[in-house]
Amino acid sequence: MPIRPYRCVYWSKNRIDGEADALGAGLASILDSARRNNKLLGVTGALVSDRGLFAQLLEGEIRAVERVFENIQRDERHGDIQVLSFGLATERAFRPWPMAFLGRTPEEHVRFADRDDETGASIRRLEAERLRDIVRVLGGEGPLQRG
């Protein structure tokens, strides 16, 4: 009988300092190391990002999920980490991906930097609202609102 995976869902403040190019480079670094390390540990999941927040779902064997999460807690790019849920899952939601990504790619952070400045906070506010919706779904709080 297959072992049921554990799932950890959390959000944290994005503490990557600098302009869009620094954010893009920091995000690329997070994704590269997550994909490499998670694959070795048998952990799968997804990272959601906007300029101010990260949300992440990790799933796998309990010790592996705990190990990855402990590393995240020590990572200075994450701040004010809040666990939304941690427990057994019926199955993996992100089986094929060591770390799926939802949000702007590192390249898009650089490409849209000028547009964000021109439009003010409206784009960032919409991203944050969308991120909260996704986090609610990942945490089991209800259906994703499409808009």
N, C-alpha and C. Protein backbone atom coordinates (compact mmCIF):
# COMPACT_ATOMS: atom_id res chain seq x y z
N MET A 1 0.84 -1.17 0.00
CA MET A 1 0.00 0.00 0.00
C MET A 1 0.90 1.25 0.00
N PRO A 2 0.62 2.22 -0.90
CA PRO A 2 1.45 3.42 -0.95
C PRO A 2 1.31 4.26 0.33
N ILE A 3 2.40 4.90 0.68
CA ILE A 3 2.40 5.77 1.85
C ILE A 3 1.75 7.09 1.48
N ARG A 4 0.82 7.55 2.32
CA ARG A 4 0.18 8.84 2.07
C ARG A 4 1.18 9.97 2.34
N PRO A 5 1.20 10.95 1.46
CA PRO A 5 2.14 12.06 1.63
C PRO A 5 1.67 13.04 2.70
N TYR A 6 2.63 13.73 3.27
CA TYR A 6 2.33 14.86 4.13
C TYR A 6 2.36 16.11 3.28
N ARG A 7 1.57 17.10 3.67
CA ARG A 7 1.52 18.36 2.94
C ARG A 7 1.68 19.52 3.91
N CYS A 8 2.54 20.44 3.54
CA CYS A 8 2.75 21.68 4.29
C CYS A 8 2.43 22.85 3.37
N VAL A 9 1.55 23.73 3.83
CA VAL A 9 1.22 24.94 3.08
C VAL A 9 1.55 26.13 3.97
N TYR A 10 2.31 27.07 3.44
CA TYR A 10 2.66 28.25 4.22
C TYR A 10 2.73 29.46 3.31
N TRP A 11 2.75 30.62 3.93
CA TRP A 11 3.08 31.84 3.20
C TRP A 11 4.14 32.58 3.98
N SER A 12 4.88 33.42 3.27
CA SER A 12 5.92 34.22 3.90
C SER A 12 6.08 35.53 3.16
N LYS A 13 6.68 36.49 3.84
CA LYS A 13 6.99 37.76 3.18
C LYS A 13 8.26 37.58 2.35
N ASN A 14 8.22 38.12 1.16
CA ASN A 14 9.36 38.09 0.25
C ASN A 14 10.36 39.15 0.72
N ARG A 15 11.52 38.73 1.16
CA ARG A 15 12.54 39.66 1.66
C ARG A 15 13.71 39.85 0.69
N ILE A 16 13.48 39.60 -0.58
CA ILE A 16 14.52 39.84 -1.57
C ILE A 16 14.55 41.35 -1.83
N ASP A 17 15.67 41.96 -1.52
CA ASP A 17 15.82 43.41 -1.69
C ASP A 17 16.22 43.75 -3.11
N GLY A 18 15.86 44.96 -3.52
CA GLY A 18 16.34 45.46 -4.79
C GLY A 18 15.24 45.64 -5.81
N GLU A 19 15.66 46.00 -6.99
CA GLU A 19 14.76 46.25 -8.11
C GLU A 19 14.36 44.92 -8.76
N ALA A 20 13.66 45.03 -9.88
CA ALA A 20 13.12 43.85 -10.55
C ALA A 20 14.20 42.85 -10.92
N ASP A 21 15.38 43.32 -11.34
CA ASP A 21 16.42 42.37 -11.73
C ASP A 21 16.91 41.56 -10.52
N ALA A 22 16.99 42.19 -9.34
CA ALA A 22 17.39 41.47 -8.13
C ALA A 22 16.30 40.48 -7.72
N LEU A 23 15.04 40.90 -7.85
CA LEU A 23 13.93 40.00 -7.53
C LEU A 23 13.94 38.80 -8.47
N GLY A 24 14.14 39.06 -9.76
CA GLY A 24 14.19 37.97 -10.73
C GLY A 24 15.31 37.00 -10.45
N ALA A 25 16.49 37.52 -10.13
CA ALA A 25 17.64 36.66 -9.82
C ALA A 25 17.40 35.87 -8.54
N GLY A 26 16.84 36.51 -7.52
CA GLY A 26 16.55 35.82 -6.26
C GLY A 26 15.53 34.72 -6.44
N LEU A 27 14.49 35.00 -7.22
CA LEU A 27 13.46 34.00 -7.49
C LEU A 27 14.03 32.83 -8.29
N ALA A 28 14.86 33.12 -9.28
CA ALA A 28 15.49 32.06 -10.06
C ALA A 28 16.35 31.17 -9.17
N SER A 29 17.06 31.78 -8.23
CA SER A 29 17.89 31.02 -7.30
C SER A 29 17.05 30.11 -6.41
N ILE A 30 15.94 30.65 -5.90
CA ILE A 30 15.04 29.84 -5.07
C ILE A 30 14.52 28.65 -5.86
N LEU A 31 14.04 28.89 -7.08
CA LEU A 31 13.48 27.81 -7.89
C LEU A 31 14.53 26.77 -8.26
N ASP A 32 15.72 27.21 -8.64
CA ASP A 32 16.78 26.26 -8.99
C ASP A 32 17.13 25.36 -7.82
N SER A 33 17.35 25.94 -6.65
CA SER A 33 17.74 25.12 -5.50
C SER A 33 16.58 24.24 -5.04
N ALA A 34 15.35 24.77 -5.08
CA ALA A 34 14.19 23.97 -4.68
C ALA A 34 14.02 22.76 -5.60
N ARG A 35 14.12 22.98 -6.88
CA ARG A 35 13.95 21.88 -7.83
C ARG A 35 15.03 20.82 -7.66
N ARG A 36 16.24 21.26 -7.46
CA ARG A 36 17.36 20.32 -7.28
C ARG A 36 17.21 19.55 -5.96
N ASN A 37 17.03 20.26 -4.86
CA ASN A 37 16.95 19.61 -3.54
C ASN A 37 15.69 18.77 -3.38
N ASN A 38 14.55 19.29 -3.84
CA ASN A 38 13.30 18.55 -3.71
C ASN A 38 13.34 17.24 -4.49
N LYS A 39 13.94 17.27 -5.66
CA LYS A 39 14.05 16.04 -6.46
C LYS A 39 14.84 14.98 -5.70
N LEU A 40 15.94 15.39 -5.08
CA LEU A 40 16.76 14.45 -4.30
C LEU A 40 16.00 13.87 -3.12
N LEU A 41 15.12 14.67 -2.51
CA LEU A 41 14.39 14.23 -1.31
C LEU A 41 13.03 13.62 -1.62
N GLY A 42 12.61 13.64 -2.88
CA GLY A 42 11.30 13.11 -3.23
C GLY A 42 10.15 14.03 -2.82
N VAL A 43 10.43 15.32 -2.72
CA VAL A 43 9.41 16.31 -2.35
C VAL A 43 8.90 16.97 -3.63
N THR A 44 7.59 17.16 -3.71
CA THR A 44 6.99 17.88 -4.82
C THR A 44 6.23 19.07 -4.25
N GLY A 45 5.79 19.97 -5.14
CA GLY A 45 5.04 21.11 -4.65
C GLY A 45 4.96 22.24 -5.65
N ALA A 46 4.55 23.40 -5.13
CA ALA A 46 4.38 24.59 -5.96
C ALA A 46 4.73 25.82 -5.16
N LEU A 47 5.31 26.79 -5.85
CA LEU A 47 5.63 28.09 -5.27
C LEU A 47 4.82 29.14 -6.01
N VAL A 48 4.16 30.00 -5.25
CA VAL A 48 3.42 31.13 -5.79
C VAL A 48 4.15 32.38 -5.32
N SER A 49 4.33 33.34 -6.22
CA SER A 49 5.11 34.52 -5.85
C SER A 49 4.51 35.78 -6.44
N ASP A 50 4.56 36.85 -5.66
CA ASP A 50 4.39 38.20 -6.20
C ASP A 50 5.50 39.03 -5.58
N ARG A 51 5.50 40.31 -5.75
CA ARG A 51 6.59 41.12 -5.24
C ARG A 51 6.71 41.07 -3.72
N GLY A 52 5.61 40.89 -3.01
CA GLY A 52 5.67 40.98 -1.56
C GLY A 52 5.52 39.68 -0.81
N LEU A 53 4.99 38.65 -1.45
CA LEU A 53 4.67 37.42 -0.73
C LEU A 53 5.10 36.18 -1.50
N PHE A 54 5.38 35.14 -0.75
CA PHE A 54 5.52 33.79 -1.28
C PHE A 54 4.44 32.94 -0.63
N ALA A 55 3.91 32.01 -1.37
CA ALA A 55 3.08 30.95 -0.81
C ALA A 55 3.61 29.66 -1.41
N GLN A 56 3.66 28.63 -0.59
CA GLN A 56 4.24 27.39 -1.09
C GLN A 56 3.51 26.20 -0.50
N LEU A 57 3.39 25.18 -1.34
CA LEU A 57 2.85 23.89 -0.93
C LEU A 57 3.97 22.89 -1.13
N LEU A 58 4.28 22.14 -0.08
CA LEU A 58 5.29 21.07 -0.13
C LEU A 58 4.59 19.76 0.18
N GLU A 59 4.97 18.69 -0.50
CA GLU A 59 4.34 17.40 -0.22
C GLU A 59 5.36 16.28 -0.40
N GLY A 60 5.24 15.27 0.46
CA GLY A 60 6.15 14.14 0.41
C GLY A 60 6.20 13.43 1.75
N GLU A 61 7.21 12.60 1.93
CA GLU A 61 7.41 11.89 3.19
C GLU A 61 7.66 12.92 4.29
N ILE A 62 7.12 12.68 5.47
CA ILE A 62 7.13 13.69 6.53
C ILE A 62 8.52 14.23 6.84
N ARG A 63 9.51 13.36 6.96
CA ARG A 63 10.86 13.84 7.30
C ARG A 63 11.44 14.72 6.20
N ALA A 64 11.15 14.37 4.96
CA ALA A 64 11.65 15.17 3.84
C ALA A 64 10.97 16.54 3.79
N VAL A 65 9.66 16.57 4.01
CA VAL A 65 8.93 17.84 4.02
C VAL A 65 9.43 18.71 5.17
N GLU A 66 9.62 18.12 6.34
CA GLU A 66 10.13 18.88 7.49
C GLU A 66 11.53 19.44 7.20
N ARG A 67 12.36 18.64 6.56
CA ARG A 67 13.73 19.09 6.26
C ARG A 67 13.71 20.28 5.30
N VAL A 68 12.90 20.20 4.26
CA VAL A 68 12.80 21.31 3.31
C VAL A 68 12.26 22.55 4.02
N PHE A 69 11.22 22.37 4.83
CA PHE A 69 10.63 23.52 5.51
C PHE A 69 11.61 24.15 6.51
N GLU A 70 12.39 23.33 7.19
CA GLU A 70 13.41 23.87 8.11
C GLU A 70 14.42 24.72 7.35
N ASN A 71 14.80 24.29 6.15
CA ASN A 71 15.72 25.08 5.33
C ASN A 71 15.09 26.41 4.92
N ILE A 72 13.82 26.38 4.59
CA ILE A 72 13.10 27.61 4.22
C ILE A 72 13.07 28.58 5.40
N GLN A 73 12.85 28.05 6.60
CA GLN A 73 12.80 28.91 7.78
C GLN A 73 14.14 29.60 8.04
N ARG A 74 15.23 29.00 7.63
CA ARG A 74 16.56 29.60 7.80
C ARG A 74 16.94 30.53 6.64
N ASP A 75 16.18 30.51 5.58
CA ASP A 75 16.48 31.29 4.38
C ASP A 75 16.08 32.75 4.60
N GLU A 76 17.04 33.65 4.50
CA GLU A 76 16.81 35.07 4.75
C GLU A 76 15.88 35.72 3.72
N ARG A 77 15.61 35.05 2.62
CA ARG A 77 14.70 35.62 1.61
C ARG A 77 13.24 35.47 2.02
N HIS A 78 12.98 34.67 3.05
CA HIS A 78 11.63 34.48 3.58
C HIS A 78 11.54 35.12 4.95
N GLY A 79 10.45 35.83 5.22
CA GLY A 79 10.26 36.41 6.54
C GLY A 79 8.83 36.23 7.00
N ASP A 80 8.62 36.30 8.30
CA ASP A 80 7.27 36.20 8.88
C ASP A 80 6.50 35.00 8.32
N ILE A 81 7.11 33.85 8.37
CA ILE A 81 6.52 32.63 7.83
C ILE A 81 5.33 32.20 8.69
N GLN A 82 4.23 31.88 8.01
CA GLN A 82 3.04 31.40 8.71
C GLN A 82 2.56 30.11 8.05
N VAL A 83 2.49 29.05 8.84
CA VAL A 83 2.00 27.76 8.34
C VAL A 83 0.48 27.81 8.31
N LEU A 84 -0.09 27.50 7.15
CA LEU A 84 -1.54 27.46 7.00
C LEU A 84 -2.08 26.07 7.27
N SER A 85 -1.33 25.06 6.89
CA SER A 85 -1.76 23.69 7.18
C SER A 85 -0.55 22.76 7.09
N PHE A 86 -0.61 21.70 7.88
CA PHE A 86 0.41 20.66 7.84
C PHE A 86 -0.27 19.37 8.27
N GLY A 87 -0.23 18.37 7.41
CA GLY A 87 -0.84 17.11 7.77
C GLY A 87 -0.86 16.14 6.60
N LEU A 88 -1.50 15.01 6.82
CA LEU A 88 -1.60 13.99 5.79
C LEU A 88 -2.48 14.47 4.64
N ALA A 89 -2.10 14.13 3.44
CA ALA A 89 -2.90 14.40 2.25
C ALA A 89 -3.34 13.06 1.67
N THR A 90 -4.43 13.07 0.94
CA THR A 90 -4.89 11.82 0.33
C THR A 90 -3.98 11.40 -0.82
N GLU A 91 -3.46 12.39 -1.55
CA GLU A 91 -2.53 12.12 -2.64
C GLU A 91 -1.76 13.40 -2.96
N ARG A 92 -0.73 13.26 -3.76
CA ARG A 92 0.05 14.44 -4.15
C ARG A 92 -0.71 15.24 -5.21
N ALA A 93 -0.71 16.53 -5.03
CA ALA A 93 -1.34 17.42 -6.01
C ALA A 93 -0.37 17.80 -7.12
N PHE A 94 0.94 17.71 -6.85
CA PHE A 94 1.95 18.17 -7.81
C PHE A 94 2.97 17.07 -8.10
N ARG A 95 2.48 15.84 -8.28
CA ARG A 95 3.34 14.67 -8.44
C ARG A 95 4.47 14.86 -9.45
N PRO A 96 4.26 15.37 -10.63
CA PRO A 96 5.38 15.40 -11.57
C PRO A 96 6.40 16.51 -11.34
N TRP A 97 6.12 17.45 -10.44
CA TRP A 97 6.98 18.63 -10.34
C TRP A 97 7.69 18.72 -9.00
N PRO A 98 9.03 18.72 -9.01
CA PRO A 98 9.76 18.99 -7.76
C PRO A 98 9.42 20.38 -7.22
N MET A 99 9.14 21.33 -8.12
CA MET A 99 8.68 22.65 -7.69
C MET A 99 8.03 23.36 -8.88
N ALA A 100 6.70 23.30 -8.93
CA ALA A 100 5.97 24.06 -9.94
C ALA A 100 6.01 25.53 -9.54
N PHE A 101 5.75 26.41 -10.48
CA PHE A 101 5.79 27.84 -10.18
C PHE A 101 4.57 28.53 -10.76
N LEU A 102 3.94 29.35 -9.94
CA LEU A 102 2.80 30.17 -10.37
C LEU A 102 3.15 31.62 -10.07
N GLY A 103 3.13 32.45 -11.09
CA GLY A 103 3.46 33.85 -10.91
C GLY A 103 4.33 34.32 -12.04
N ARG A 104 4.86 35.49 -11.89
CA ARG A 104 5.77 36.02 -12.90
C ARG A 104 7.09 35.27 -12.86
N THR A 105 7.58 34.94 -14.03
CA THR A 105 8.91 34.33 -14.11
C THR A 105 9.95 35.39 -13.75
N PRO A 106 11.16 34.96 -13.41
CA PRO A 106 12.21 35.95 -13.14
C PRO A 106 12.38 36.94 -14.29
N GLU A 107 12.27 36.47 -15.53
CA GLU A 107 12.41 37.35 -16.68
C GLU A 107 11.27 38.35 -16.75
N GLU A 108 10.05 37.93 -16.40
CA GLU A 108 8.90 38.83 -16.44
C GLU A 108 9.01 39.92 -15.37
N HIS A 109 9.60 39.62 -14.22
CA HIS A 109 9.79 40.66 -13.22
C HIS A 109 10.62 41.80 -13.79
N VAL A 110 11.64 41.47 -14.56
CA VAL A 110 12.48 42.50 -15.18
C VAL A 110 11.71 43.20 -16.29
N ARG A 111 11.05 42.44 -17.15
CA ARG A 111 10.36 43.01 -18.31
C ARG A 111 9.22 43.94 -17.91
N PHE A 112 8.49 43.61 -16.83
CA PHE A 112 7.33 44.41 -16.43
C PHE A 112 7.65 45.47 -15.39
N ALA A 113 8.91 45.63 -15.03
CA ALA A 113 9.27 46.59 -13.98
C ALA A 113 8.80 48.00 -14.33
N ASP A 114 9.02 48.44 -15.57
CA ASP A 114 8.60 49.79 -15.97
C ASP A 114 7.09 49.92 -15.97
N ARG A 115 6.41 48.90 -16.43
CA ARG A 115 4.94 48.94 -16.47
C ARG A 115 4.38 49.03 -15.06
N ASP A 116 4.93 48.29 -14.12
CA ASP A 116 4.46 48.37 -12.74
C ASP A 116 4.62 49.79 -12.21
N ASP A 117 5.74 50.43 -12.54
CA ASP A 117 5.96 51.80 -12.07
C ASP A 117 4.94 52.76 -12.68
N GLU A 118 4.58 52.56 -13.94
CA GLU A 118 3.62 53.43 -14.61
C GLU A 118 2.21 53.26 -14.07
N THR A 119 1.84 52.04 -13.69
CA THR A 119 0.46 51.78 -13.27
C THR A 119 0.28 51.88 -11.77
N GLY A 120 1.34 52.13 -11.05
CA GLY A 120 1.19 52.27 -9.60
C GLY A 120 0.93 50.95 -8.93
N ALA A 121 0.18 50.99 -7.86
CA ALA A 121 -0.04 49.81 -7.02
C ALA A 121 -1.11 48.88 -7.56
N SER A 122 -1.82 49.26 -8.62
CA SER A 122 -2.96 48.45 -9.05
C SER A 122 -2.55 47.04 -9.45
N ILE A 123 -1.47 46.90 -10.20
CA ILE A 123 -1.03 45.56 -10.61
C ILE A 123 -0.61 44.76 -9.40
N ARG A 124 0.15 45.36 -8.51
CA ARG A 124 0.60 44.64 -7.31
C ARG A 124 -0.57 44.25 -6.43
N ARG A 125 -1.58 45.12 -6.33
CA ARG A 125 -2.74 44.80 -5.51
C ARG A 125 -3.49 43.61 -6.12
N LEU A 126 -3.67 43.60 -7.44
CA LEU A 126 -4.34 42.48 -8.09
C LEU A 126 -3.55 41.19 -7.90
N GLU A 127 -2.22 41.27 -8.02
CA GLU A 127 -1.40 40.08 -7.80
C GLU A 127 -1.57 39.57 -6.37
N ALA A 128 -1.58 40.47 -5.40
CA ALA A 128 -1.71 40.07 -4.00
C ALA A 128 -3.07 39.44 -3.75
N GLU A 129 -4.13 39.99 -4.35
CA GLU A 129 -5.46 39.41 -4.17
C GLU A 129 -5.51 38.01 -4.79
N ARG A 130 -4.93 37.85 -5.95
CA ARG A 130 -4.89 36.54 -6.61
C ARG A 130 -4.08 35.55 -5.77
N LEU A 131 -2.97 36.01 -5.21
CA LEU A 131 -2.14 35.16 -4.37
C LEU A 131 -2.92 34.70 -3.14
N ARG A 132 -3.67 35.59 -2.53
CA ARG A 132 -4.47 35.19 -1.36
C ARG A 132 -5.49 34.13 -1.75
N ASP A 133 -6.13 34.28 -2.93
CA ASP A 133 -7.08 33.26 -3.39
C ASP A 133 -6.40 31.91 -3.54
N ILE A 134 -5.22 31.90 -4.15
CA ILE A 134 -4.50 30.65 -4.37
C ILE A 134 -4.10 30.03 -3.04
N VAL A 135 -3.64 30.85 -2.11
CA VAL A 135 -3.25 30.34 -0.79
C VAL A 135 -4.45 29.73 -0.09
N ARG A 136 -5.61 30.35 -0.19
CA ARG A 136 -6.81 29.78 0.44
C ARG A 136 -7.12 28.40 -0.11
N VAL A 137 -6.99 28.25 -1.43
CA VAL A 137 -7.24 26.94 -2.04
C VAL A 137 -6.20 25.93 -1.58
N LEU A 138 -4.92 26.32 -1.61
CA LEU A 138 -3.87 25.40 -1.19
C LEU A 138 -4.06 24.99 0.26
N GLY A 139 -4.57 25.90 1.07
CA GLY A 139 -4.80 25.62 2.48
C GLY A 139 -6.12 24.92 2.74
N GLY A 140 -6.87 24.62 1.68
CA GLY A 140 -8.13 23.91 1.83
C GLY A 140 -9.28 24.78 2.27
N GLU A 141 -9.22 26.09 1.99
CA GLU A 141 -10.26 26.99 2.46
C GLU A 141 -11.34 27.27 1.42
N GLY A 142 -11.34 26.61 0.30
CA GLY A 142 -12.43 26.85 -0.63
C GLY A 142 -11.98 26.90 -2.07
N PRO A 143 -12.95 27.11 -2.98
CA PRO A 143 -12.65 27.10 -4.41
C PRO A 143 -11.90 28.35 -4.84
N LEU A 144 -11.13 28.19 -5.88
CA LEU A 144 -10.37 29.29 -6.45
C LEU A 144 -11.32 30.19 -7.23
N GLN A 145 -11.30 31.48 -6.93
CA GLN A 145 -12.11 32.45 -7.65
C GLN A 145 -11.35 32.88 -8.89
N ARG A 146 -11.96 32.72 -10.02
CA ARG A 146 -11.31 33.12 -11.27
C ARG A 146 -11.77 34.53 -11.62
N GLY A 147 -10.84 35.31 -12.14
CA GLY A 147 -11.26 36.67 -12.45
C GLY A 147 -10.33 37.36 -13.38
